[in-house]
N, C-alpha and C. Protein backbone atom coordinates (compact mmCIF):
# COMPACT_ATOMS: atom_id res chain seq x y z
N MET A 1 0.58 3.19 -70.88
CA MET A 1 0.24 4.10 -72.06
C MET A 1 1.34 4.64 -72.20
N GLU A 2 2.11 5.49 -71.14
CA GLU A 2 3.12 6.64 -71.50
C GLU A 2 4.06 6.14 -72.33
N LEU A 3 4.53 5.24 -71.65
CA LEU A 3 5.65 4.48 -72.27
C LEU A 3 5.59 3.89 -73.83
N ASN A 4 4.43 3.87 -74.26
CA ASN A 4 4.10 3.55 -75.38
C ASN A 4 4.16 2.06 -75.83
N LEU A 5 4.10 1.14 -74.89
CA LEU A 5 4.65 -0.15 -74.43
C LEU A 5 3.48 -0.64 -75.72
N GLU A 6 4.71 -1.97 -76.37
CA GLU A 6 3.52 -3.00 -77.69
C GLU A 6 3.69 -3.70 -76.96
N ASN A 7 2.31 -4.90 -77.34
CA ASN A 7 2.05 -6.05 -77.24
C ASN A 7 1.64 -6.24 -75.36
N LEU A 8 0.72 -5.21 -75.85
CA LEU A 8 -0.16 -5.38 -74.02
C LEU A 8 -1.69 -3.90 -74.44
N THR A 9 -2.06 -5.02 -73.00
CA THR A 9 -3.65 -3.74 -72.61
C THR A 9 -3.67 -3.44 -71.74
N VAL A 10 -3.77 -2.52 -71.59
CA VAL A 10 -4.18 -1.16 -70.11
C VAL A 10 -5.63 -1.58 -69.93
N VAL A 11 -5.77 -2.17 -68.74
CA VAL A 11 -6.98 -2.69 -68.35
C VAL A 11 -7.03 -1.53 -66.80
N ASN A 12 -8.72 -0.86 -66.68
CA ASN A 12 -8.68 -0.19 -65.45
C ASN A 12 -9.79 -0.71 -64.87
N SER A 13 -9.55 -1.20 -64.17
CA SER A 13 -10.35 -2.26 -63.49
C SER A 13 -10.53 -3.12 -61.89
N ARG A 14 -11.35 -3.07 -60.95
CA ARG A 14 -11.27 -3.38 -60.02
C ARG A 14 -10.76 -5.20 -60.08
N VAL A 15 -10.03 -5.14 -59.66
CA VAL A 15 -9.31 -6.64 -59.58
C VAL A 15 -10.38 -8.03 -59.95
N GLU A 16 -11.25 -7.71 -58.46
CA GLU A 16 -12.46 -8.96 -58.33
C GLU A 16 -13.29 -8.79 -59.12
N ASN A 17 -13.81 -7.96 -60.42
CA ASN A 17 -14.48 -7.34 -61.59
C ASN A 17 -13.91 -8.13 -62.31
N TYR A 18 -12.60 -8.13 -62.91
CA TYR A 18 -12.04 -8.77 -63.89
C TYR A 18 -11.74 -9.96 -64.36
N GLN A 19 -12.10 -10.46 -65.83
CA GLN A 19 -12.99 -11.28 -65.53
C GLN A 19 -11.72 -12.17 -67.01
N PRO A 20 -11.02 -12.28 -67.45
CA PRO A 20 -10.03 -12.84 -68.50
C PRO A 20 -10.17 -14.00 -68.13
N GLU A 21 -9.17 -14.76 -69.64
CA GLU A 21 -8.67 -16.26 -69.30
C GLU A 21 -7.79 -15.72 -68.49
N PRO A 22 -7.69 -17.13 -67.41
CA PRO A 22 -6.69 -17.07 -66.46
C PRO A 22 -4.89 -17.05 -67.01
N PHE A 23 -4.65 -16.38 -66.31
CA PHE A 23 -3.18 -16.37 -66.78
C PHE A 23 -2.23 -17.14 -65.81
N ASP A 24 -0.80 -17.36 -66.45
CA ASP A 24 0.43 -18.50 -65.44
C ASP A 24 0.81 -17.69 -64.33
N ILE A 25 0.78 -16.30 -64.33
CA ILE A 25 1.13 -15.97 -63.16
C ILE A 25 0.46 -14.27 -62.69
N VAL A 26 0.76 -14.47 -61.58
CA VAL A 26 -0.41 -13.01 -60.99
C VAL A 26 0.55 -12.50 -60.42
N ILE A 27 0.46 -11.35 -60.61
CA ILE A 27 1.44 -10.36 -59.92
C ILE A 27 1.31 -9.18 -59.09
N SER A 28 1.60 -9.35 -57.86
CA SER A 28 0.85 -8.37 -57.40
C SER A 28 2.24 -7.23 -56.11
N ARG A 29 1.68 -5.96 -56.55
CA ARG A 29 2.98 -5.13 -55.02
C ARG A 29 2.30 -4.11 -54.53
N ALA A 30 2.50 -4.16 -53.38
CA ALA A 30 2.00 -3.31 -52.50
C ALA A 30 0.32 -3.36 -52.41
N PHE A 31 -0.46 -4.63 -52.28
CA PHE A 31 -1.44 -4.81 -51.82
C PHE A 31 -1.76 -5.02 -50.44
N ALA A 32 -2.87 -5.32 -50.25
CA ALA A 32 -2.98 -4.95 -48.53
C ALA A 32 -2.17 -6.18 -47.82
N SER A 33 -3.13 -7.47 -48.26
CA SER A 33 -1.99 -8.56 -47.29
C SER A 33 -2.08 -9.91 -48.21
N ILE A 34 -1.28 -10.73 -47.67
CA ILE A 34 -1.72 -11.87 -49.10
C ILE A 34 -2.92 -12.51 -48.73
N GLU A 35 -3.32 -12.73 -47.92
CA GLU A 35 -4.72 -13.26 -47.71
C GLU A 35 -5.92 -12.22 -48.82
N ASP A 36 -5.88 -11.35 -48.44
CA ASP A 36 -6.43 -10.57 -49.17
C ASP A 36 -6.36 -10.84 -51.13
N MET A 37 -5.15 -10.48 -51.24
CA MET A 37 -4.34 -10.64 -52.58
C MET A 37 -5.28 -11.90 -53.07
N LEU A 38 -4.64 -13.22 -52.49
CA LEU A 38 -4.91 -14.45 -53.11
C LEU A 38 -6.99 -14.64 -53.17
N GLU A 39 -7.41 -14.10 -52.49
CA GLU A 39 -8.56 -14.28 -52.32
C GLU A 39 -8.99 -13.43 -53.57
N TRP A 40 -8.72 -12.08 -54.02
CA TRP A 40 -9.42 -11.01 -54.65
C TRP A 40 -9.00 -11.41 -56.13
N THR A 41 -7.30 -12.14 -56.25
CA THR A 41 -7.18 -12.81 -57.51
C THR A 41 -6.60 -14.37 -58.19
N ASN A 42 -7.23 -15.18 -57.05
CA ASN A 42 -7.82 -16.30 -57.21
C ASN A 42 -8.41 -16.49 -58.51
N HIS A 43 -9.35 -15.93 -59.28
CA HIS A 43 -9.60 -16.27 -60.92
C HIS A 43 -9.15 -16.07 -61.88
N LEU A 44 -8.10 -14.94 -61.46
CA LEU A 44 -7.25 -14.41 -62.47
C LEU A 44 -5.97 -15.74 -62.66
N CYS A 45 -5.68 -16.65 -61.80
CA CYS A 45 -4.60 -17.08 -62.10
C CYS A 45 -5.10 -18.85 -62.14
N LYS A 46 -4.30 -19.60 -63.33
CA LYS A 46 -4.90 -20.94 -63.93
C LYS A 46 -4.46 -21.69 -62.75
N ASN A 47 -5.02 -23.24 -62.27
CA ASN A 47 -5.23 -24.37 -61.90
C ASN A 47 -3.44 -24.46 -61.09
N HIS A 48 -2.15 -24.42 -62.36
CA HIS A 48 -1.05 -24.72 -61.45
C HIS A 48 -0.38 -23.36 -61.75
N GLY A 49 -1.16 -22.52 -62.07
CA GLY A 49 0.19 -20.79 -61.98
C GLY A 49 0.17 -20.74 -60.95
N ILE A 50 1.25 -19.60 -60.64
CA ILE A 50 1.84 -19.27 -59.49
C ILE A 50 1.79 -17.49 -59.21
N PHE A 51 1.70 -17.18 -57.90
CA PHE A 51 1.38 -15.63 -57.54
C PHE A 51 2.58 -15.43 -56.74
N LEU A 52 2.81 -13.95 -57.36
CA LEU A 52 4.18 -13.24 -56.62
C LEU A 52 3.50 -11.99 -55.76
N ALA A 53 4.23 -11.93 -54.85
CA ALA A 53 3.73 -11.19 -53.58
C ALA A 53 5.09 -10.03 -53.49
N MET A 54 5.03 -9.42 -53.64
CA MET A 54 5.90 -8.05 -53.14
C MET A 54 5.44 -7.50 -52.26
N LYS A 55 6.34 -7.70 -50.98
CA LYS A 55 6.12 -7.23 -49.59
C LYS A 55 7.44 -6.29 -49.47
N GLY A 56 7.47 -5.85 -48.30
CA GLY A 56 8.27 -5.27 -47.22
C GLY A 56 9.15 -5.94 -46.78
N LEU A 57 8.25 -5.76 -45.56
CA LEU A 57 9.54 -6.44 -43.90
C LEU A 57 8.77 -7.86 -44.52
N TYR A 58 9.60 -8.49 -43.94
CA TYR A 58 9.47 -10.05 -44.24
C TYR A 58 7.94 -10.28 -43.37
N PRO A 59 7.29 -10.90 -44.51
CA PRO A 59 5.18 -11.01 -43.46
C PRO A 59 5.43 -12.39 -42.75
N GLU A 60 5.71 -12.77 -42.11
CA GLU A 60 6.25 -14.04 -41.05
C GLU A 60 4.31 -14.76 -40.65
N GLN A 61 3.70 -13.00 -39.66
CA GLN A 61 2.53 -13.88 -39.56
C GLN A 61 1.56 -14.37 -40.89
N GLU A 62 1.60 -13.63 -41.65
CA GLU A 62 0.90 -13.52 -43.27
C GLU A 62 0.82 -15.03 -43.63
N ILE A 63 2.22 -15.33 -43.47
CA ILE A 63 2.60 -16.91 -44.30
C ILE A 63 1.96 -17.66 -43.23
N GLN A 64 1.67 -17.53 -41.87
CA GLN A 64 1.48 -18.76 -40.87
C GLN A 64 -0.30 -18.64 -41.12
N THR A 65 -0.83 -17.69 -41.45
CA THR A 65 -2.20 -17.97 -41.44
C THR A 65 -2.60 -18.23 -43.17
N LEU A 66 -1.67 -18.34 -43.73
CA LEU A 66 -2.43 -19.10 -45.11
C LEU A 66 -3.67 -19.65 -45.37
N ASN A 67 -4.63 -19.31 -46.38
CA ASN A 67 -5.59 -19.74 -46.25
C ASN A 67 -4.95 -21.62 -47.07
N ASP A 68 -5.93 -22.66 -46.13
CA ASP A 68 -5.10 -24.00 -46.63
C ASP A 68 -5.13 -23.90 -48.12
N GLY A 69 -5.62 -23.34 -48.76
CA GLY A 69 -6.02 -23.95 -50.32
C GLY A 69 -4.47 -23.05 -50.74
N PHE A 70 -3.64 -22.55 -50.29
CA PHE A 70 -2.47 -21.87 -50.67
C PHE A 70 -1.10 -22.11 -49.66
N ARG A 71 -0.27 -22.28 -50.80
CA ARG A 71 1.35 -22.52 -49.78
C ARG A 71 2.08 -21.57 -50.38
N LEU A 72 3.21 -21.49 -49.42
CA LEU A 72 4.28 -20.91 -49.79
C LEU A 72 5.17 -21.67 -50.87
N LEU A 73 5.54 -21.45 -51.55
CA LEU A 73 6.85 -22.64 -52.70
C LEU A 73 8.10 -21.68 -51.98
N GLN A 74 8.47 -20.69 -52.51
CA GLN A 74 9.55 -20.05 -52.11
C GLN A 74 9.76 -18.54 -51.75
N THR A 75 10.62 -17.57 -50.92
CA THR A 75 10.87 -16.61 -50.58
C THR A 75 12.07 -15.98 -51.41
N HIS A 76 12.23 -14.64 -51.38
CA HIS A 76 13.21 -14.49 -52.04
C HIS A 76 13.66 -12.83 -51.66
N ARG A 77 14.92 -12.50 -50.95
CA ARG A 77 15.08 -11.27 -50.17
C ARG A 77 15.78 -10.49 -51.71
N LEU A 78 15.10 -8.96 -51.93
CA LEU A 78 15.46 -8.76 -53.26
C LEU A 78 16.08 -7.41 -52.24
N SER A 79 17.21 -6.87 -53.01
CA SER A 79 18.24 -6.00 -52.23
C SER A 79 17.79 -4.84 -54.10
N VAL A 80 17.26 -3.59 -53.60
CA VAL A 80 16.76 -2.68 -54.24
C VAL A 80 17.72 -1.45 -54.49
N PRO A 81 18.75 -1.59 -55.29
CA PRO A 81 19.64 -0.21 -55.38
C PRO A 81 19.15 1.30 -54.79
N LYS A 82 19.78 1.79 -53.90
CA LYS A 82 19.23 3.47 -53.19
C LYS A 82 18.43 2.64 -52.27
N CYS A 83 18.09 1.66 -51.97
CA CYS A 83 16.98 1.85 -50.88
C CYS A 83 17.26 1.10 -49.76
N ASP A 84 17.53 1.40 -48.69
CA ASP A 84 17.65 0.09 -47.35
C ASP A 84 16.56 0.01 -46.90
N ALA A 85 15.80 -0.01 -47.20
CA ALA A 85 14.58 -0.93 -46.33
C ALA A 85 14.69 -2.25 -46.80
N GLU A 86 14.02 -3.41 -46.20
CA GLU A 86 13.72 -4.43 -46.44
C GLU A 86 12.58 -5.11 -47.34
N ARG A 87 12.94 -5.65 -48.78
CA ARG A 87 11.89 -6.01 -49.77
C ARG A 87 12.15 -7.63 -50.32
N HIS A 88 11.01 -8.47 -50.08
CA HIS A 88 11.06 -9.28 -50.19
C HIS A 88 10.02 -10.19 -51.89
N LEU A 89 10.22 -10.79 -52.31
CA LEU A 89 9.96 -11.70 -53.35
C LEU A 89 9.15 -13.25 -52.71
N LEU A 90 7.54 -13.25 -52.56
CA LEU A 90 7.13 -14.31 -52.55
C LEU A 90 6.35 -15.14 -53.48
N ILE A 91 6.46 -16.40 -53.42
CA ILE A 91 6.15 -17.13 -54.65
C ILE A 91 5.09 -18.08 -53.79
N LEU A 92 3.99 -17.94 -54.54
CA LEU A 92 2.86 -18.89 -53.79
C LEU A 92 2.13 -19.38 -55.04
N GLY A 93 1.46 -21.05 -54.25
CA GLY A 93 1.12 -22.02 -55.14
C GLY A 93 -0.37 -21.72 -54.83
N ARG A 94 -1.29 -22.62 -55.32
CA ARG A 94 -2.32 -23.71 -54.63
C ARG A 94 -1.95 -25.16 -54.00
N ALA A 95 -2.30 -25.34 -52.71
CA ALA A 95 -2.00 -26.79 -52.11
C ALA A 95 -2.46 -27.52 -52.65
């Protein structure tokens, strides 16, 4: 709202209560866990859509315990200017 961006709608709602037409891509930054993200946003993504999860340290254990209904498609290590901490982008889809 502060940026006065056009062609977007700001929605102030809990993710599990938001019921729009499904999206091609669901993006999450600083969510509790990959499991929670996928559970709470599953209804927001089309059947052949993808989920993008921004994570800090590589979440090896979270990936190993993914629900059988989802799979890791790709992982990218990110380089953030002026930030020495690890950052990763995980691309997930339905199995």
